[in-house]
PDB file of N, CA and C in Angstrom:
ATOM      1  N   MET A   1       7.100 -20.768   3.114  1.00  0.00           N
ATOM      2  CA  MET A   1       6.270 -21.132   2.086  1.00  0.00           C
ATOM      3  C   MET A   1       5.250 -20.293   1.784  1.00  0.00           C
ATOM      4  N   SER A   2       5.231 -19.163   1.108  1.00  0.00           N
ATOM      5  CA  SER A   2       4.254 -18.665   0.662  1.00  0.00           C
ATOM      6  C   SER A   2       2.891 -18.999  -0.221  1.00  0.00           C
ATOM      7  N   ILE A   3       1.880 -18.771  -0.250  1.00  0.00           N
ATOM      8  CA  ILE A   3       0.301 -18.973  -0.868  1.00  0.00           C
ATOM      9  C   ILE A   3       0.653 -19.239  -2.130  1.00  0.00           C
ATOM     10  N   GLY A   4       1.690 -18.283  -2.786  1.00  0.00           N
ATOM     11  CA  GLY A   4       1.770 -18.513  -4.163  1.00  0.00           C
ATOM     12  C   GLY A   4       2.518 -19.564  -4.549  1.00  0.00           C
ATOM     13  N   THR A   5       3.832 -19.927  -3.718  1.00  0.00           N
ATOM     14  CA  THR A   5       4.654 -21.104  -4.025  1.00  0.00           C
ATOM     15  C   THR A   5       3.907 -22.312  -3.834  1.00  0.00           C
ATOM     16  N   THR A   6       2.536 -22.388  -2.722  1.00  0.00           N
ATOM     17  CA  THR A   6       1.861 -23.576  -2.389  1.00  0.00           C
ATOM     18  C   THR A   6       0.770 -24.054  -3.888  1.00  0.00           C
ATOM     19  N   LEU A   7       0.372 -22.848  -4.517  1.00  0.00           N
ATOM     20  CA  LEU A   7      -0.215 -22.642  -5.758  1.00  0.00           C
ATOM     21  C   LEU A   7       0.419 -23.219  -6.526  1.00  0.00           C
ATOM     22  N   GLN A   8       1.481 -22.479  -7.165  1.00  0.00           N
ATOM     23  CA  GLN A   8       2.121 -23.577  -7.985  1.00  0.00           C
ATOM     24  C   GLN A   8       2.621 -24.796  -7.971  1.00  0.00           C
ATOM     25  N   LYS A   9       3.188 -24.860  -6.780  1.00  0.00           N
ATOM     26  CA  LYS A   9       3.654 -26.925  -6.638  1.00  0.00           C
ATOM     27  C   LYS A   9       2.375 -27.346  -6.933  1.00  0.00           C
ATOM     28  N   ILE A  10       1.253 -27.038  -6.480  1.00  0.00           N
ATOM     29  CA  ILE A  10       0.021 -27.840  -6.284  1.00  0.00           C
ATOM     30  C   ILE A  10      -0.587 -27.858  -7.938  1.00  0.00           C
ATOM     31  N   ARG A  11      -0.591 -26.910  -8.265  1.00  0.00           N
ATOM     32  CA  ARG A  11      -0.756 -26.628  -9.883  1.00  0.00           C
ATOM     33  C   ARG A  11      -0.112 -27.613 -10.767  1.00  0.00           C
ATOM     34  N   GLN A  12       1.223 -27.480 -10.587  1.00  0.00           N
ATOM     35  CA  GLN A  12       2.312 -28.488 -11.118  1.00  0.00           C
ATOM     36  C   GLN A  12       2.257 -29.634 -10.758  1.00  0.00           C
ATOM     37  N   ALA A  13       1.710 -30.180  -9.613  1.00  0.00           N
ATOM     38  CA  ALA A  13       1.397 -31.486  -9.002  1.00  0.00           C
ATOM     39  C   ALA A  13       0.403 -31.946 -10.279  1.00  0.00           C
ATOM     40  N   ARG A  14      -0.512 -31.166 -10.454  1.00  0.00           N
ATOM     41  CA  ARG A  14      -1.776 -32.189 -10.743  1.00  0.00           C
ATOM     42  C   ARG A  14      -1.588 -31.984 -12.756  1.00  0.00           C
ATOM     43  N   ASP A  15      -0.479 -31.367 -13.160  1.00  0.00           N
ATOM     44  CA  ASP A  15      -0.279 -31.119 -14.713  1.00  0.00           C
ATOM     45  C   ASP A  15      -1.362 -30.325 -15.039  1.00  0.00           C
ATOM     46  N   LEU A  16      -1.382 -29.502 -14.511  1.00  0.00           N
ATOM     47  CA  LEU A  16      -2.136 -27.917 -15.120  1.00  0.00           C
ATOM     48  C   LEU A  16      -1.478 -27.061 -15.279  1.00  0.00           C
ATOM     49  N   THR A  17      -1.767 -26.441 -16.576  1.00  0.00           N
ATOM     50  CA  THR A  17      -1.150 -25.223 -16.987  1.00  0.00           C
ATOM     51  C   THR A  17      -1.868 -23.809 -16.790  1.00  0.00           C
ATOM     52  N   GLN A  18      -1.169 -22.719 -16.015  1.00  0.00           N
ATOM     53  CA  GLN A  18      -2.144 -21.682 -15.836  1.00  0.00           C
ATOM     54  C   GLN A  18      -3.380 -21.088 -16.759  1.00  0.00           C
ATOM     55  N   GLN A  19      -2.952 -21.635 -17.697  1.00  0.00           N
ATOM     56  CA  GLN A  19      -4.264 -21.399 -18.846  1.00  0.00           C
ATOM     57  C   GLN A  19      -5.146 -22.371 -18.519  1.00  0.00           C
ATOM     58  N   GLU A  20      -5.330 -23.502 -17.925  1.00  0.00           N
ATOM     59  CA  GLU A  20      -6.118 -24.447 -17.700  1.00  0.00           C
ATOM     60  C   GLU A  20      -6.874 -24.060 -16.429  1.00  0.00           C
ATOM     61  N   VAL A  21      -6.379 -23.384 -15.612  1.00  0.00           N
ATOM     62  CA  VAL A  21      -6.953 -23.140 -14.190  1.00  0.00           C
ATOM     63  C   VAL A  21      -7.620 -21.728 -14.280  1.00  0.00           C
ATOM     64  N   ALA A  22      -6.805 -20.573 -15.224  1.00  0.00           N
ATOM     65  CA  ALA A  22      -7.734 -19.157 -15.313  1.00  0.00           C
ATOM     66  C   ALA A  22      -9.079 -20.050 -16.283  1.00  0.00           C
ATOM     67  N   THR A  23      -9.092 -20.729 -16.939  1.00  0.00           N
ATOM     68  CA  THR A  23     -10.173 -21.096 -17.889  1.00  0.00           C
ATOM     69  C   THR A  23     -11.307 -21.634 -16.904  1.00  0.00           C
ATOM     70  N   GLN A  24     -11.107 -22.425 -15.939  1.00  0.00           N
ATOM     71  CA  GLN A  24     -12.132 -23.341 -15.262  1.00  0.00           C
ATOM     72  C   GLN A  24     -12.119 -22.201 -13.708  1.00  0.00           C
ATOM     73  N   MET A  25     -11.415 -21.167 -13.461  1.00  0.00           N
ATOM     74  CA  MET A  25     -11.525 -20.337 -12.597  1.00  0.00           C
ATOM     75  C   MET A  25     -12.366 -18.561 -13.096  1.00  0.00           C
ATOM     76  N   TYR A  26     -12.524 -19.291 -14.600  1.00  0.00           N
ATOM     77  CA  TYR A  26     -12.789 -17.805 -15.239  1.00  0.00           C
ATOM     78  C   TYR A  26     -12.251 -16.681 -14.465  1.00  0.00           C
ATOM     79  N   VAL A  27     -10.958 -16.520 -14.832  1.00  0.00           N
ATOM     80  CA  VAL A  27     -10.040 -15.168 -14.229  1.00  0.00           C
ATOM     81  C   VAL A  27      -9.154 -15.562 -15.376  1.00  0.00           C
ATOM     82  N   THR A  28      -8.218 -14.533 -15.732  1.00  0.00           N
ATOM     83  CA  THR A  28      -7.160 -14.421 -16.442  1.00  0.00           C
ATOM     84  C   THR A  28      -5.852 -15.077 -16.345  1.00  0.00           C
ATOM     85  N   ARG A  29      -5.344 -15.870 -17.315  1.00  0.00           N
ATOM     86  CA  ARG A  29      -4.152 -16.468 -16.985  1.00  0.00           C
ATOM     87  C   ARG A  29      -2.920 -15.466 -15.957  1.00  0.00           C
ATOM     88  N   GLN A  30      -3.279 -14.333 -16.307  1.00  0.00           N
ATOM     89  CA  GLN A  30      -2.091 -13.333 -15.619  1.00  0.00           C
ATOM     90  C   GLN A  30      -2.783 -13.172 -14.177  1.00  0.00           C
ATOM     91  N   THR A  31      -3.872 -13.450 -13.882  1.00  0.00           N
ATOM     92  CA  THR A  31      -4.327 -13.148 -12.686  1.00  0.00           C
ATOM     93  C   THR A  31      -3.556 -14.324 -11.782  1.00  0.00           C
ATOM     94  N   ILE A  32      -3.466 -16.015 -12.528  1.00  0.00           N
ATOM     95  CA  ILE A  32      -2.844 -17.141 -11.944  1.00  0.00           C
ATOM     96  C   ILE A  32      -1.572 -16.434 -11.488  1.00  0.00           C
ATOM     97  N   SER A  33      -1.042 -15.829 -12.591  1.00  0.00           N
ATOM     98  CA  SER A  33       0.595 -16.037 -12.719  1.00  0.00           C
ATOM     99  C   SER A  33       0.585 -15.000 -11.336  1.00  0.00           C
ATOM    100  N   ARG A  34       0.223 -13.719 -11.294  1.00  0.00           N
ATOM    101  CA  ARG A  34       0.313 -12.895 -10.030  1.00  0.00           C
ATOM    102  C   ARG A  34       0.161 -13.549  -9.055  1.00  0.00           C
ATOM    103  N   TRP A  35      -0.876 -14.252  -8.705  1.00  0.00           N
ATOM    104  CA  TRP A  35      -1.029 -15.180  -7.249  1.00  0.00           C
ATOM    105  C   TRP A  35       0.276 -15.995  -7.197  1.00  0.00           C
ATOM    106  N   GLU A  36       0.357 -16.841  -7.955  1.00  0.00           N
ATOM    107  CA  GLU A  36       1.711 -17.607  -8.115  1.00  0.00           C
ATOM    108  C   GLU A  36       2.931 -16.898  -7.753  1.00  0.00           C
ATOM    109  N   GLN A  37       3.307 -15.900  -7.892  1.00  0.00           N
ATOM    110  CA  GLN A  37       4.530 -14.998  -7.906  1.00  0.00           C
ATOM    111  C   GLN A  37       4.097 -14.201  -6.515  1.00  0.00           C
ATOM    112  N   GLY A  38       3.178 -14.168  -5.744  1.00  0.00           N
ATOM    113  CA  GLY A  38       2.955 -13.192  -4.772  1.00  0.00           C
ATOM    114  C   GLY A  38       2.874 -11.801  -5.335  1.00  0.00           C
ATOM    115  N   LYS A  39       2.519 -11.907  -5.769  1.00  0.00           N
ATOM    116  CA  LYS A  39       2.250 -10.352  -6.222  1.00  0.00           C
ATOM    117  C   LYS A  39       0.804  -9.653  -6.030  1.00  0.00           C
ATOM    118  N   THR A  40       0.134 -10.298  -5.691  1.00  0.00           N
ATOM    119  CA  THR A  40      -1.676 -10.298  -5.431  1.00  0.00           C
ATOM    120  C   THR A  40      -2.044 -11.801  -5.118  1.00  0.00           C
ATOM    121  N   MET A  41      -3.428 -11.315  -4.053  1.00  0.00           N
ATOM    122  CA  MET A  41      -3.467 -12.824  -3.249  1.00  0.00           C
ATOM    123  C   MET A  41      -4.680 -12.923  -3.933  1.00  0.00           C
ATOM    124  N   PRO A  42      -5.242 -13.946  -3.921  1.00  0.00           N
ATOM    125  CA  PRO A  42      -6.541 -14.464  -4.441  1.00  0.00           C
ATOM    126  C   PRO A  42      -7.208 -14.073  -3.324  1.00  0.00           C
ATOM    127  N   ASN A  43      -8.464 -13.850  -3.294  1.00  0.00           N
ATOM    128  CA  ASN A  43      -9.774 -13.538  -2.494  1.00  0.00           C
ATOM    129  C   ASN A  43     -10.318 -15.121  -1.627  1.00  0.00           C
ATOM    130  N   ILE A  44     -10.830 -15.418  -0.714  1.00  0.00           N
ATOM    131  CA  ILE A  44     -11.235 -16.218   0.104  1.00  0.00           C
ATOM    132  C   ILE A  44     -12.012 -17.185  -0.492  1.00  0.00           C
ATOM    133  N   TYR A  45     -12.749 -16.361  -1.912  1.00  0.00           N
ATOM    134  CA  TYR A  45     -13.667 -17.252  -2.889  1.00  0.00           C
ATOM    135  C   TYR A  45     -12.658 -18.099  -3.791  1.00  0.00           C
ATOM    136  N   ALA A  46     -12.126 -17.400  -4.552  1.00  0.00           N
ATOM    137  CA  ALA A  46     -11.116 -17.809  -5.076  1.00  0.00           C
ATOM    138  C   ALA A  46     -10.669 -19.322  -4.467  1.00  0.00           C
ATOM    139  N   LEU A  47      -9.757 -18.945  -3.329  1.00  0.00           N
ATOM    140  CA  LEU A  47      -9.353 -20.211  -2.814  1.00  0.00           C
ATOM    141  C   LEU A  47      -9.814 -21.150  -2.377  1.00  0.00           C
ATOM    142  N   LYS A  48     -11.209 -20.961  -2.166  1.00  0.00           N
ATOM    143  CA  LYS A  48     -12.249 -21.911  -2.047  1.00  0.00           C
ATOM    144  C   LYS A  48     -12.553 -22.906  -3.563  1.00  0.00           C
ATOM    145  N   ASP A  49     -12.273 -22.248  -4.507  1.00  0.00           N
ATOM    146  CA  ASP A  49     -12.739 -23.039  -5.954  1.00  0.00           C
ATOM    147  C   ASP A  49     -11.506 -23.163  -6.054  1.00  0.00           C
ATOM    148  N   LEU A  50     -10.376 -22.813  -5.991  1.00  0.00           N
ATOM    149  CA  LEU A  50      -8.799 -23.296  -6.057  1.00  0.00           C
ATOM    150  C   LEU A  50      -8.722 -24.803  -5.485  1.00  0.00           C
ATOM    151  N   ALA A  51      -9.083 -24.769  -4.325  1.00  0.00           N
ATOM    152  CA  ALA A  51      -9.279 -25.860  -2.998  1.00  0.00           C
ATOM    153  C   ALA A  51      -9.786 -27.236  -3.735  1.00  0.00           C
ATOM    154  N   GLN A  52     -11.360 -26.934  -4.563  1.00  0.00           N
ATOM    155  CA  GLN A  52     -11.742 -27.782  -5.225  1.00  0.00           C
ATOM    156  C   GLN A  52     -11.519 -28.305  -6.231  1.00  0.00           C
ATOM    157  N   LEU A  53     -10.707 -27.320  -7.181  1.00  0.00           N
ATOM    158  CA  LEU A  53     -10.038 -27.747  -7.961  1.00  0.00           C
ATOM    159  C   LEU A  53      -8.953 -28.380  -7.938  1.00  0.00           C
ATOM    160  N   TYR A  54      -8.050 -28.298  -7.079  1.00  0.00           N
ATOM    161  CA  TYR A  54      -7.275 -29.023  -6.616  1.00  0.00           C
ATOM    162  C   TYR A  54      -6.992 -30.111  -5.962  1.00  0.00           C
ATOM    163  N   ASN A  55      -8.156 -30.613  -5.429  1.00  0.00           N
ATOM    164  CA  ASN A  55      -8.538 -31.412  -4.481  1.00  0.00           C
ATOM    165  C   ASN A  55      -7.981 -31.597  -3.248  1.00  0.00           C
ATOM    166  N   VAL A  56      -7.773 -30.248  -2.430  1.00  0.00           N
ATOM    167  CA  VAL A  56      -6.941 -30.362  -1.423  1.00  0.00           C
ATOM    168  C   VAL A  56      -7.644 -29.543  -0.321  1.00  0.00           C
ATOM    169  N   SER A  57      -7.462 -29.619   0.494  1.00  0.00           N
ATOM    170  CA  SER A  57      -8.276 -28.388   1.651  1.00  0.00           C
ATOM    171  C   SER A  57      -7.912 -27.442   1.566  1.00  0.00           C
ATOM    172  N   LEU A  58      -8.884 -26.336   2.264  1.00  0.00           N
ATOM    173  CA  LEU A  58      -8.511 -24.789   2.462  1.00  0.00           C
ATOM    174  C   LEU A  58      -6.998 -25.097   2.748  1.00  0.00           C
ATOM    175  N   ASP A  59      -7.284 -25.836   3.960  1.00  0.00           N
ATOM    176  CA  ASP A  59      -5.605 -25.129   4.895  1.00  0.00           C
ATOM    177  C   ASP A  59      -4.553 -25.735   4.223  1.00  0.00           C
ATOM    178  N   GLN A  60      -4.788 -26.507   3.710  1.00  0.00           N
ATOM    179  CA  GLN A  60      -3.610 -26.854   2.861  1.00  0.00           C
ATOM    180  C   GLN A  60      -2.634 -25.767   1.842  1.00  0.00           C
ATOM    181  N   LEU A  61      -4.011 -24.981   1.484  1.00  0.00           N
ATOM    182  CA  LEU A  61      -3.562 -24.054   0.468  1.00  0.00           C
ATOM    183  C   LEU A  61      -2.928 -22.729   1.140  1.00  0.00           C
ATOM    184  N   VAL A  62      -3.448 -22.557   2.395  1.00  0.00           N
ATOM    185  CA  VAL A  62      -3.056 -21.602   2.979  1.00  0.00           C
ATOM    186  C   VAL A  62      -2.053 -21.445   4.217  1.00  0.00           C
ATOM    187  N   ALA A  63      -1.480 -23.106   4.198  1.00  0.00           N
ATOM    188  CA  ALA A  63      -0.616 -23.114   5.782  1.00  0.00           C
ATOM    189  C   ALA A  63       0.703 -22.821   5.069  1.00  0.00           C
ATOM    190  N   MET A  64       1.400 -22.146   6.173  1.00  0.00           N
ATOM    191  CA  MET A  64       2.860 -21.693   6.372  1.00  0.00           C
ATOM    192  C   MET A  64       3.576 -22.416   6.430  1.00  0.00           C
ATOM    193  N   HIS A  65       4.971 -22.733   6.273  1.00  0.00           N
ATOM    194  CA  HIS A  65       5.889 -23.901   6.866  1.00  0.00           C
ATOM    195  C   HIS A  65       6.677 -22.358   8.155  1.00  0.00           C
ATOM    196  N   PRO A  66       6.922 -22.979   9.181  1.00  0.00           N
ATOM    197  CA  PRO A  66       7.422 -21.886  10.086  1.00  0.00           C
ATOM    198  C   PRO A  66       8.772 -21.788   9.630  1.00  0.00           C
ATOM    199  N   SER A  67       9.843 -22.652   8.860  1.00  0.00           N
ATOM    200  CA  SER A  67      11.189 -22.170   8.992  1.00  0.00           C
ATOM    201  C   SER A  67      10.992 -21.804   7.481  1.00  0.00           C
ATOM    202  N   ASN A  68      10.375 -21.182   7.000  1.00  0.00           N
ATOM    203  CA  ASN A  68      10.489 -20.160   6.121  1.00  0.00           C
ATOM    204  C   ASN A  68       9.366 -18.561   6.014  1.00  0.00           C
ATOM    205  N   SER A  69       8.751 -18.620   6.714  1.00  0.00           N
ATOM    206  CA  SER A  69       7.529 -18.022   7.403  1.00  0.00           C
ATOM    207  C   SER A  69       8.586 -16.477   7.502  1.00  0.00           C
ATOM    208  N   LYS A  70       9.632 -16.901   8.685  1.00  0.00           N
ATOM    209  CA  LYS A  70      10.164 -15.674   9.056  1.00  0.00           C
ATOM    210  C   LYS A  70      11.178 -14.771   8.205  1.00  0.00           C
ATOM    211  N   GLU A  71      11.755 -15.764   7.190  1.00  0.00           N
ATOM    212  CA  GLU A  71      12.231 -15.315   5.955  1.00  0.00           C
ATOM    213  C   GLU A  71      11.510 -14.247   5.173  1.00  0.00           C
ATOM    214  N   GLU A  72      10.287 -14.623   4.906  1.00  0.00           N
ATOM    215  CA  GLU A  72       9.354 -13.890   3.817  1.00  0.00           C
ATOM    216  C   GLU A  72       8.768 -12.773   4.822  1.00  0.00           C
ATOM    217  N   ALA A  73       8.907 -12.825   5.686  1.00  0.00           N
ATOM    218  CA  ALA A  73       8.325 -11.566   6.765  1.00  0.00           C
ATOM    219  C   ALA A  73       9.570 -10.495   6.338  1.00  0.00           C
ATOM    220  N   GLY A  74      10.491 -10.922   6.699  1.00  0.00           N
ATOM    221  CA  GLY A  74      11.718 -10.076   6.699  1.00  0.00           C
ATOM    222  C   GLY A  74      11.946  -9.693   5.636  1.00  0.00           C
ATOM    223  N   HIS A  75      11.574 -10.461   4.407  1.00  0.00           N
ATOM    224  CA  HIS A  75      11.753  -9.854   2.763  1.00  0.00           C
ATOM    225  C   HIS A  75      10.700  -8.367   2.979  1.00  0.00           C
ATOM    226  N   LYS A  76       9.433  -8.981   3.432  1.00  0.00           N
ATOM    227  CA  LYS A  76       8.559  -7.498   3.017  1.00  0.00           C
ATOM    228  C   LYS A  76       8.645  -5.975   4.287  1.00  0.00           C
ATOM    229  N   MET A  77       9.356  -6.760   4.982  1.00  0.00           N
ATOM    230  CA  MET A  77       9.765  -5.412   5.926  1.00  0.00           C
ATOM    231  C   MET A  77       9.978  -3.937   4.923  1.00  0.00           C
ATOM    232  N   LYS A  78       9.406  -3.232   5.520  1.00  0.00           N
ATOM    233  CA  LYS A  78       9.442  -1.990   4.359  1.00  0.00           C
ATOM    234  C   LYS A  78      11.269  -1.421   5.259  1.00  0.00           C
ATOM    235  N   LYS A  79      11.473  -0.446   4.275  1.00  0.00           N
ATOM    236  CA  LYS A  79      13.136   0.169   5.009  1.00  0.00           C
ATOM    237  C   LYS A  79      12.527   1.779   5.567  1.00  0.00           C
ATOM    238  N   ILE A  80      12.977   2.303   6.590  1.00  0.00           N
ATOM    239  CA  ILE A  80      12.893   3.565   6.907  1.00  0.00           C
ATOM    240  C   ILE A  80      13.443   4.420   6.704  1.00  0.00           C
ATOM    241  N   ASN A  81      12.425   5.499   5.898  1.00  0.00           N
ATOM    242  CA  ASN A  81      12.570   6.863   5.668  1.00  0.00           C
ATOM    243  C   ASN A  81      13.783   7.998   6.787  1.00  0.00           C
ATOM    244  N   TRP A  82      14.646   7.558   6.475  1.00  0.00           N
ATOM    245  CA  TRP A  82      15.773   8.447   7.744  1.00  0.00           C
ATOM    246  C   TRP A  82      15.613  10.045   7.611  1.00  0.00           C
ATOM    247  N   LEU A  83      15.452  10.372   6.288  1.00  0.00           N
ATOM    248  CA  LEU A  83      15.260  11.735   6.088  1.00  0.00           C
ATOM    249  C   LEU A  83      13.926  12.409   6.653  1.00  0.00           C
ATOM    250  N   ALA A  84      12.872  11.524   6.386  1.00  0.00           N
ATOM    251  CA  ALA A  84      11.594  11.821   6.969  1.00  0.00           C
ATOM    252  C   ALA A  84      11.414  11.704   8.458  1.00  0.00           C
ATOM    253  N   LEU A  85      11.835  11.011   8.971  1.00  0.00           N
ATOM    254  CA  LEU A  85      12.161  10.730  10.325  1.00  0.00           C
ATOM    255  C   LEU A  85      12.680  11.901  11.170  1.00  0.00           C
ATOM    256  N   PHE A  86      13.775  12.426  10.425  1.00  0.00           N
ATOM    257  CA  PHE A  86      14.818  13.489  10.888  1.00  0.00           C
ATOM    258  C   PHE A  86      13.684  14.716  10.971  1.00  0.00           C
ATOM    259  N   GLY A  87      13.448  14.906   9.503  1.00  0.00           N
ATOM    260  CA  GLY A  87      12.346  16.122   9.488  1.00  0.00           C
ATOM    261  C   GLY A  87      11.339  16.273  10.398  1.00  0.00           C
ATOM    262  N   PHE A  88      10.393  14.533  10.812  1.00  0.00           N
ATOM    263  CA  PHE A  88       9.303  14.391  11.544  1.00  0.00           C
ATOM    264  C   PHE A  88       9.730  15.472  12.847  1.00  0.00           C
ATOM    265  N   PHE A  89      10.883  14.687  12.914  1.00  0.00           N
ATOM    266  CA  PHE A  89      11.432  15.041  14.545  1.00  0.00           C
ATOM    267  C   PHE A  89      11.927  16.622  15.100  1.00  0.00           C
ATOM    268  N   TRP A  90      12.550  17.286  13.657  1.00  0.00           N
ATOM    269  CA  TRP A  90      12.998  18.347  13.903  1.00  0.00           C
ATOM    270  C   TRP A  90      12.092  19.285  13.914  1.00  0.00           C
ATOM    271  N   PHE A  91      11.252  18.953  13.272  1.00  0.00           N
ATOM    272  CA  PHE A  91       9.782  19.902  13.040  1.00  0.00           C
ATOM    273  C   PHE A  91       8.807  19.800  14.497  1.00  0.00           C
ATOM    274  N   ASN A  92       8.899  18.487  15.143  1.00  0.00           N
ATOM    275  CA  ASN A  92       8.324  19.042  16.331  1.00  0.00           C
ATOM    276  C   ASN A  92       9.104  19.452  17.336  1.00  0.00           C
ATOM    277  N   VAL A  93      10.197  19.829  17.272  1.00  0.00           N
ATOM    278  CA  VAL A  93      11.423  20.469  17.992  1.00  0.00           C
ATOM    279  C   VAL A  93      10.727  21.928  17.787  1.00  0.00           C
ATOM    280  N   ILE A  94      10.768  22.498  16.878  1.00  0.00           N
ATOM    281  CA  ILE A  94      11.117  23.532  16.252  1.00  0.00           C
ATOM    282  C   ILE A  94       9.276  24.383  16.855  1.00  0.00           C
ATOM    283  N   VAL A  95       8.258  23.089  16.651  1.00  0.00           N
ATOM    284  CA  VAL A  95       7.025  23.406  17.016  1.00  0.00           C
ATOM    285  C   VAL A  95       7.309  23.662  18.450  1.00  0.00           C
ATOM    286  N   THR A  96       7.251  22.946  19.285  1.00  0.00           N
ATOM    287  CA  THR A  96       7.463  22.851  20.625  1.00  0.00           C
ATOM    288  C   THR A  96       8.131  23.715  21.254  1.00  0.00           C
ATOM    289  N   MET A  97       9.482  24.383  20.649  1.00  0.00           N
ATOM    290  CA  MET A  97      10.010  25.289  21.106  1.00  0.00           C
ATOM    291  C   MET A  97       9.491  26.675  20.721  1.00  0.00           C
ATOM    292  N   GLY A  98       8.623  27.218  19.463  1.00  0.00           N
ATOM    293  CA  GLY A  98       7.814  27.767  19.323  1.00  0.00           C
ATOM    294  C   GLY A  98       6.942  28.252  20.413  1.00  0.00           C
ATOM    295  N   LYS A  99       6.196  27.186  20.625  1.00  0.00           N
ATOM    296  CA  LYS A  99       5.298  27.168  21.896  1.00  0.00           C
ATOM    297  C   LYS A  99       5.570  28.054  23.045  1.00  0.00           C
ATOM    298  N   LYS A 100       6.802  27.267  23.556  1.00  0.00           N
ATOM    299  CA  LYS A 100       7.572  27.625  24.526  1.00  0.00           C
ATOM    300  C   LYS A 100       7.853  29.110  24.358  1.00  0.00           C
ATOM    301  N   ALA A 101       8.540  29.517  23.303  1.00  0.00           N
ATOM    302  CA  ALA A 101       8.763  30.965  23.506  1.00  0.00           C
ATOM    303  C   ALA A 101       7.227  31.797  23.412  1.00  0.00           C
ATOM    304  N   ASN A 102       6.270  31.245  22.637  1.00  0.00           N
ATOM    305  CA  ASN A 102       5.320  32.336  23.182  1.00  0.00           C
ATOM    306  C   ASN A 102       4.667  32.277  24.480  1.00  0.00           C
ATOM    307  N   GLN A 103       4.732  31.168  25.058  1.00  0.00           N
ATOM    308  CA  GLN A 103       4.157  31.743  26.396  1.00  0.00           C
ATOM    309  C   GLN A 103       5.349  32.243  27.071  1.00  0.00           C
ATOM    310  N   LEU A 104       6.510  32.295  26.844  1.00  0.00           N
ATOM    311  CA  LEU A 104       7.395  33.114  27.939  1.00  0.00           C
ATOM    312  C   LEU A 104       7.434  34.380  27.432  1.00  0.00           C
ATOM    313  N   THR A 105       6.992  34.385  26.147  1.00  0.00           N
ATOM    314  CA  THR A 105       6.518  36.182  25.715  1.00  0.00           C
ATOM    315  C   THR A 105       5.681  36.661  26.353  1.00  0.00           C
ATOM    316  N   LEU A 106       4.919  36.119  26.402  1.00  0.00           N
ATOM    317  CA  LEU A 106       3.488  36.722  27.096  1.00  0.00           C
ATOM    318  C   LEU A 106       3.604  36.554  28.521  1.00  0.00           C
ATOM    319  N   VAL A 107       4.327  35.752  28.912  1.00  0.00           N
ATOM    320  CA  VAL A 107       4.600  36.061  30.641  1.00  0.00           C
ATOM    321  C   VAL A 107       5.524  37.341  31.098  1.00  0.00           C
ATOM    322  N   CYS A 108       6.510  37.387  30.077  1.00  0.00           N
ATOM    323  CA  CYS A 108       7.165  38.971  30.290  1.00  0.00           C
ATOM    324  C   CYS A 108       6.343  39.836  29.585  1.00  0.00           C
ATOM    325  N   LEU A 109       5.662  39.927  28.896  1.00  0.00           N
ATOM    326  CA  LEU A 109       4.900  41.171  28.395  1.00  0.00           C
ATOM    327  C   LEU A 109       3.879  41.369  29.866  1.00  0.00           C
ATOM    328  N   PHE A 110       3.025  40.088  30.201  1.00  0.00           N
ATOM    329  CA  PHE A 110       2.477  40.831  31.610  1.00  0.00           C
ATOM    330  C   PHE A 110       3.072  40.776  33.083  1.00  0.00           C
ATOM    331  N   LYS A 111       4.370  40.931  33.106  1.00  0.00           N
ATOM    332  CA  LYS A 111       5.148  41.418  34.260  1.00  0.00           C
ATOM    333  C   LYS A 111       5.508  42.547  33.724  1.00  0.00           C
ATOM    334  N   VAL A 112       5.633  42.789  32.154  1.00  0.00           N
ATOM    335  CA  VAL A 112       6.172  44.459  32.164  1.00  0.00           C
ATOM    336  C   VAL A 112       4.876  45.289  32.398  1.00  0.00           C
ATOM    337  N   CYS A 113       3.690  44.670  31.874  1.00  0.00           N
ATOM    338  CA  CYS A 113       2.682  45.661  31.855  1.00  0.00           C
ATOM    339  C   CYS A 113       2.226  46.234  33.130  1.00  0.00           C
ATOM    340  N   PHE A 114       2.301  44.940  33.678  1.00  0.00           N
ATOM    341  CA  PHE A 114       0.923  44.400  35.103  1.00  0.00           C
ATOM    342  C   PHE A 114       1.833  44.750  36.541  1.00  0.00           C
ATOM    343  N   LYS A 115       3.341  44.516  36.066  1.00  0.00           N
ATOM    344  CA  LYS A 115       4.388  44.555  37.113  1.00  0.00           C
ATOM    345  C   LYS A 115       4.257  43.368  38.371  1.00  0.00           C
ATOM    346  N   SER A 116       3.944  42.145  37.536  1.00  0.00           N
ATOM    347  CA  SER A 116       3.525  41.013  38.871  1.00  0.00           C
ATOM    348  C   SER A 116       3.757  39.742  37.780  1.00  0.00           C
ATOM    349  N   ASN A 117       3.779  38.813  38.308  1.00  0.00           N
ATOM    350  CA  ASN A 117       3.847  37.344  37.780  1.00  0.00           C
ATOM    351  C   ASN A 117       2.553  36.885  37.239  1.00  0.00           C
ATOM    352  N   PRO A 118       1.871  36.492  36.564  1.00  0.00           N
ATOM    353  CA  PRO A 118       0.747  35.477  36.259  1.00  0.00           C
ATOM    354  C   PRO A 118       0.615  34.776  36.561  1.00  0.00           C
ATOM    355  N   ILE A 119       1.767  33.811  36.996  1.00  0.00           N
ATOM    356  CA  ILE A 119       1.811  32.299  37.560  1.00  0.00           C
ATOM    357  C   ILE A 119       1.811  32.401  38.799  1.00  0.00           C
ATOM    358  N   ALA A 120       1.917  33.448  39.494  1.00  0.00           N
ATOM    359  CA  ALA A 120       2.351  32.969  41.253  1.00  0.00           C
ATOM    360  C   ALA A 120       1.078  33.182  41.513  1.00  0.00           C
TER     361      ALA A 120
END
């Protein structure tokens, strides 16, 4: 259970509207709505004030239930941008090959100009 869901359930159990909570918290009703939908998170000071308003402990507001926390964590995982990953890989391959090609060119030039191996 997310903090937003917990906030909504506690508010409804106290028979308060979002507007009533917003007025007492000195925020807009939309702010309360965003907190309850999980779009934004209240800061620690707002959580403290909410705990006092709802007459619950701060732990009760932020406690996550283990059965649902994995589902919520999985839901928030971002997808991999495979095209960007593919481009990143090939960019590094080309750059690495380019550096090795430049080194090989310098070694060959050194051999031709000085008729010796610079590495030896």
